[in-house]
C-alpha atoms as a PDB file:
ATOM      1  CA  UNK A   1      52.493 -13.698   5.864  1.00  0.00           C
ATOM      2  CA  UNK A   2      52.844 -10.083   4.762  1.00  0.00           C
ATOM      3  CA  UNK A   3      51.431  -7.546   7.192  1.00  0.00           C
ATOM      4  CA  UNK A   4      50.469  -3.904   7.115  1.00  0.00           C
ATOM      5  CA  UNK A   5      53.552  -1.722   7.287  1.00  0.00           C
ATOM      6  CA  UNK A   6      55.730  -4.206   5.407  1.00  0.00           C
ATOM      7  CA  UNK A   7      57.268  -3.746   1.973  1.00  0.00           C
ATOM      8  CA  UNK A   8      56.043  -5.862  -0.926  1.00  0.00           C
ATOM      9  CA  UNK A   9      58.711  -8.558  -1.420  1.00  0.00           C
ATOM     10  CA  UNK A  10      60.857  -8.604  -4.538  1.00  0.00           C
ATOM     11  CA  UNK A  11      59.209 -10.863  -7.082  1.00  0.00           C
ATOM     12  CA  UNK A  12      57.863 -10.789 -10.617  1.00  0.00           C
ATOM     13  CA  UNK A  13      54.453 -10.876 -12.265  1.00  0.00           C
ATOM     14  CA  UNK A  14      53.584 -11.234 -15.939  1.00  0.00           C
ATOM     15  CA  UNK A  15      51.314  -9.215 -18.184  1.00  0.00           C
ATOM     16  CA  UNK A  16      50.326  -9.734 -21.784  1.00  0.00           C
ATOM     17  CA  UNK A  17      50.164  -6.356 -23.549  1.00  0.00           C
ATOM     18  CA  UNK A  18      49.992  -5.128 -27.127  1.00  0.00           C
ATOM     19  CA  UNK A  19      53.805  -5.239 -27.068  1.00  0.00           C
ATOM     20  CA  UNK A  20      53.788  -8.905 -26.055  1.00  0.00           C
ATOM     21  CA  UNK A  21      54.601 -10.757 -22.848  1.00  0.00           C
ATOM     22  CA  UNK A  22      56.055  -8.546 -20.135  1.00  0.00           C
ATOM     23  CA  UNK A  23      57.824  -9.765 -16.990  1.00  0.00           C
ATOM     24  CA  UNK A  24      57.467  -7.039 -14.381  1.00  0.00           C
ATOM     25  CA  UNK A  25      59.346  -6.643 -11.129  1.00  0.00           C
ATOM     26  CA  UNK A  26      57.344  -5.769  -8.062  1.00  0.00           C
ATOM     27  CA  UNK A  27      59.932  -3.097  -7.258  1.00  0.00           C
ATOM     28  CA  UNK A  28      58.979  -1.319 -10.492  1.00  0.00           C
ATOM     29  CA  UNK A  29      55.233  -2.053 -10.335  1.00  0.00           C
ATOM     30  CA  UNK A  30      54.797  -0.518  -6.880  1.00  0.00           C
ATOM     31  CA  UNK A  31      57.420   2.261  -6.928  1.00  0.00           C
ATOM     32  CA  UNK A  32      56.266   5.823  -6.245  1.00  0.00           C
ATOM     33  CA  UNK A  33      52.546   5.176  -6.567  1.00  0.00           C
ATOM     34  CA  UNK A  34      49.421   4.190  -4.695  1.00  0.00           C
ATOM     35  CA  UNK A  35      48.058   0.853  -5.865  1.00  0.00           C
ATOM     36  CA  UNK A  36      45.049  -1.274  -4.993  1.00  0.00           C
ATOM     37  CA  UNK A  37      45.753  -4.976  -5.457  1.00  0.00           C
ATOM     38  CA  UNK A  38      43.130  -7.660  -5.289  1.00  0.00           C
ATOM     39  CA  UNK A  39      43.856 -11.340  -5.662  1.00  0.00           C
ATOM     40  CA  UNK A  40      41.556 -14.171  -6.541  1.00  0.00           C
ATOM     41  CA  UNK A  41      41.912 -17.957  -6.328  1.00  0.00           C
ATOM     42  CA  UNK A  42      41.392 -18.340 -10.067  1.00  0.00           C
ATOM     43  CA  UNK A  43      40.375 -16.550 -13.233  1.00  0.00           C
ATOM     44  CA  UNK A  44      37.011 -17.573 -14.653  1.00  0.00           C
ATOM     45  CA  UNK A  45      35.955 -19.143 -11.323  1.00  0.00           C
ATOM     46  CA  UNK A  46      32.452 -18.431  -9.959  1.00  0.00           C
ATOM     47  CA  UNK A  47      32.854 -15.784  -7.217  1.00  0.00           C
ATOM     48  CA  UNK A  48      35.865 -14.247  -8.949  1.00  0.00           C
ATOM     49  CA  UNK A  49      33.979 -13.815 -12.232  1.00  0.00           C
ATOM     50  CA  UNK A  50      30.526 -13.031 -10.878  1.00  0.00           C
ATOM     51  CA  UNK A  51      31.494 -10.599  -8.115  1.00  0.00           C
ATOM     52  CA  UNK A  52      35.131  -9.857  -7.316  1.00  0.00           C
ATOM     53  CA  UNK A  53      36.472  -8.653 -10.679  1.00  0.00           C
ATOM     54  CA  UNK A  54      33.170  -7.023 -11.759  1.00  0.00           C
ATOM     55  CA  UNK A  55      33.056  -4.987  -8.548  1.00  0.00           C
ATOM     56  CA  UNK A  56      36.450  -3.466  -9.277  1.00  0.00           C
ATOM     57  CA  UNK A  57      35.521  -2.905 -12.938  1.00  0.00           C
ATOM     58  CA  UNK A  58      32.399  -1.002 -11.868  1.00  0.00           C
ATOM     59  CA  UNK A  59      34.169   1.091  -9.205  1.00  0.00           C
ATOM     60  CA  UNK A  60      37.546   1.613 -10.919  1.00  0.00           C
ATOM     61  CA  UNK A  61      36.915   5.291 -11.687  1.00  0.00           C
ATOM     62  CA  UNK A  62      35.766   6.025  -8.129  1.00  0.00           C
ATOM     63  CA  UNK A  63      38.754   4.173  -6.675  1.00  0.00           C
ATOM     64  CA  UNK A  64      41.163   6.087  -8.901  1.00  0.00           C
ATOM     65  CA  UNK A  65      39.424   9.356  -7.996  1.00  0.00           C
ATOM     66  CA  UNK A  66      40.548   8.699  -4.402  1.00  0.00           C
ATOM     67  CA  UNK A  67      44.192   9.045  -5.441  1.00  0.00           C
ATOM     68  CA  UNK A  68      44.906   5.487  -6.570  1.00  0.00           C
ATOM     69  CA  UNK A  69      47.300   5.360  -9.507  1.00  0.00           C
ATOM     70  CA  UNK A  70      46.622   1.769 -10.569  1.00  0.00           C
ATOM     71  CA  UNK A  71      44.485  -1.261  -9.768  1.00  0.00           C
ATOM     72  CA  UNK A  72      46.037  -4.717 -10.123  1.00  0.00           C
ATOM     73  CA  UNK A  73      44.201  -8.020 -10.286  1.00  0.00           C
ATOM     74  CA  UNK A  74      46.491 -10.958  -9.468  1.00  0.00           C
ATOM     75  CA  UNK A  75      45.823 -14.665  -9.822  1.00  0.00           C
ATOM     76  CA  UNK A  76      47.887 -17.828  -9.982  1.00  0.00           C
ATOM     77  CA  UNK A  77      47.161 -18.103 -13.682  1.00  0.00           C
ATOM     78  CA  UNK A  78      49.327 -17.296 -16.666  1.00  0.00           C
ATOM     79  CA  UNK A  79      49.248 -13.884 -18.330  1.00  0.00           C
ATOM     80  CA  UNK A  80      47.325 -15.248 -21.338  1.00  0.00           C
ATOM     81  CA  UNK A  81      44.430 -16.353 -19.135  1.00  0.00           C
ATOM     82  CA  UNK A  82      44.512 -13.077 -17.210  1.00  0.00           C
ATOM     83  CA  UNK A  83      44.400 -11.007 -20.401  1.00  0.00           C
ATOM     84  CA  UNK A  84      41.428 -12.856 -21.834  1.00  0.00           C
ATOM     85  CA  UNK A  85      39.606 -12.908 -18.495  1.00  0.00           C
ATOM     86  CA  UNK A  86      40.053  -9.130 -18.270  1.00  0.00           C
ATOM     87  CA  UNK A  87      38.783  -8.682 -21.818  1.00  0.00           C
ATOM     88  CA  UNK A  88      35.736 -10.841 -21.054  1.00  0.00           C
ATOM     89  CA  UNK A  89      34.865  -8.433 -18.212  1.00  0.00           C
ATOM     90  CA  UNK A  90      35.817  -5.136 -19.893  1.00  0.00           C
ATOM     91  CA  UNK A  91      38.495  -4.624 -17.246  1.00  0.00           C
ATOM     92  CA  UNK A  92      40.216  -1.850 -19.216  1.00  0.00           C
ATOM     93  CA  UNK A  93      41.095   0.142 -16.077  1.00  0.00           C
ATOM     94  CA  UNK A  94      42.631  -2.852 -14.281  1.00  0.00           C
ATOM     95  CA  UNK A  95      46.031  -4.402 -14.901  1.00  0.00           C
ATOM     96  CA  UNK A  96      45.513  -8.142 -15.120  1.00  0.00           C
ATOM     97  CA  UNK A  97      48.694  -9.704 -13.761  1.00  0.00           C
ATOM     98  CA  UNK A  98      49.574 -13.377 -13.913  1.00  0.00           C
ATOM     99  CA  UNK A  99      51.446 -15.184 -11.150  1.00  0.00           C
ATOM    100  CA  UNK A 100      51.746 -18.412 -13.096  1.00  0.00           C
ATOM    101  CA  UNK A 101      54.183 -20.163 -10.767  1.00  0.00           C
ATOM    102  CA  UNK A 102      52.706 -18.590  -7.588  1.00  0.00           C
ATOM    103  CA  UNK A 103      56.081 -17.039  -6.720  1.00  0.00           C
ATOM    104  CA  UNK A 104      54.569 -13.641  -5.853  1.00  0.00           C
ATOM    105  CA  UNK A 105      51.754 -15.243  -3.870  1.00  0.00           C
ATOM    106  CA  UNK A 106      54.225 -17.436  -1.977  1.00  0.00           C
ATOM    107  CA  UNK A 107      56.536 -14.467  -1.302  1.00  0.00           C
ATOM    108  CA  UNK A 108      53.543 -12.741   0.317  1.00  0.00           C
ATOM    109  CA  UNK A 109      52.754 -15.883   2.326  1.00  0.00           C
ATOM    110  CA  UNK A 110      49.189 -15.817   0.978  1.00  0.00           C
ATOM    111  CA  UNK A 111      49.110 -19.117  -0.886  1.00  0.00           C
ATOM    112  CA  UNK A 112      46.697 -21.948  -0.214  1.00  0.00           C
ATOM    113  CA  UNK A 113      46.661 -25.507  -1.449  1.00  0.00           C
ATOM    114  CA  UNK A 114      43.358 -26.351  -3.075  1.00  0.00           C
ATOM    115  CA  UNK A 115      44.473 -29.948  -3.737  1.00  0.00           C
ATOM    116  CA  UNK A 116      41.859 -31.444  -6.083  1.00  0.00           C
ATOM    117  CA  UNK A 117      40.653 -28.029  -7.269  1.00  0.00           C
ATOM    118  CA  UNK A 118      43.841 -26.804  -8.858  1.00  0.00           C
ATOM    119  CA  UNK A 119      46.847 -27.009  -6.567  1.00  0.00           C
ATOM    120  CA  UNK A 120      48.523 -23.904  -5.152  1.00  0.00           C
ATOM    121  CA  UNK A 121      46.353 -20.807  -5.506  1.00  0.00           C
ATOM    122  CA  UNK A 122      46.139 -17.387  -3.901  1.00  0.00           C
ATOM    123  CA  UNK A 123      43.944 -16.682  -0.941  1.00  0.00           C
ATOM    124  CA  UNK A 124      41.341 -14.023  -1.701  1.00  0.00           C
ATOM    125  CA  UNK A 125      42.430 -10.579  -0.520  1.00  0.00           C
ATOM    126  CA  UNK A 126      42.638  -6.912  -1.363  1.00  0.00           C
ATOM    127  CA  UNK A 127      45.312  -4.501  -0.233  1.00  0.00           C
ATOM    128  CA  UNK A 128      46.326  -0.905  -0.567  1.00  0.00           C
ATOM    129  CA  UNK A 129      50.013  -0.380  -1.257  1.00  0.00           C
ATOM    130  CA  UNK A 130      51.727   3.002  -1.106  1.00  0.00           C
ATOM    131  CA  UNK A 131      55.230   3.283  -2.562  1.00  0.00           C
ATOM    132  CA  UNK A 132      55.720  -0.459  -2.120  1.00  0.00           C
ATOM    133  CA  UNK A 133      54.483  -0.611   1.494  1.00  0.00           C
ATOM    134  CA  UNK A 134      51.234  -2.335   2.457  1.00  0.00           C
ATOM    135  CA  UNK A 135      49.025   0.189   4.252  1.00  0.00           C
ATOM    136  CA  UNK A 136      45.876  -1.973   4.323  1.00  0.00           C
ATOM    137  CA  UNK A 137      45.447  -5.730   3.966  1.00  0.00           C
ATOM    138  CA  UNK A 138      41.977  -7.281   3.870  1.00  0.00           C
ATOM    139  CA  UNK A 139      42.325 -11.053   3.839  1.00  0.00           C
ATOM    140  CA  UNK A 140      39.210 -13.152   3.429  1.00  0.00           C
ATOM    141  CA  UNK A 141      38.397 -16.087   5.656  1.00  0.00           C
ATOM    142  CA  UNK A 142      38.212 -19.373   3.710  1.00  0.00           C
ATOM    143  CA  UNK A 143      35.202 -19.541   1.354  1.00  0.00           C
ATOM    144  CA  UNK A 144      34.241 -15.982   2.282  1.00  0.00           C
ATOM    145  CA  UNK A 145      33.786 -12.828   0.222  1.00  0.00           C
ATOM    146  CA  UNK A 146      33.237  -9.843   2.511  1.00  0.00           C
ATOM    147  CA  UNK A 147      36.325  -7.716   3.213  1.00  0.00           C
ATOM    148  CA  UNK A 148      38.066  -7.731  -0.180  1.00  0.00           C
ATOM    149  CA  UNK A 149      35.138  -6.332  -2.165  1.00  0.00           C
ATOM    150  CA  UNK A 150      35.699  -3.194  -4.209  1.00  0.00           C
ATOM    151  CA  UNK A 151      33.008  -1.417  -2.185  1.00  0.00           C
ATOM    152  CA  UNK A 152      34.911  -2.078   1.053  1.00  0.00           C
ATOM    153  CA  UNK A 153      38.244  -0.951  -0.384  1.00  0.00           C
ATOM    154  CA  UNK A 154      36.649   2.230  -1.703  1.00  0.00           C
ATOM    155  CA  UNK A 155      35.534   3.137   1.850  1.00  0.00           C
ATOM    156  CA  UNK A 156      39.112   2.646   3.118  1.00  0.00           C
ATOM    157  CA  UNK A 157      40.710   5.079   0.663  1.00  0.00           C
END
């Protein structure tokens, strides 16, 4: 599992933009910037839709005012789902990134098998990444939503 002080592993994520489907390397996404990343087990799922994403939508300006260049939301969903989930929550200040095959999540060592729920998904977490290096990792305990909230991340910046 990735730890604080380690570099984000080389992988790719996808994003659906006005220019179409984009495949983005993590080396490019995290280079020379400060990024807050939060990951959810699934788009349109209860806690993710009712609390996790909305918290970051509400606090995006305050988070960015603390020197954060970008905020990424990652889920083991395709980029189409991520785009429409972001639109449904007015997540204009958040890059909604799909990890459709869970390769990024697996490279981080943060996958979980939900078996009957949906297969391999991401554990719930939030992290601060500076120039590709994890400076803070807040990983939730199973079925918990305490340490990866936007409010908590804002206090750590």
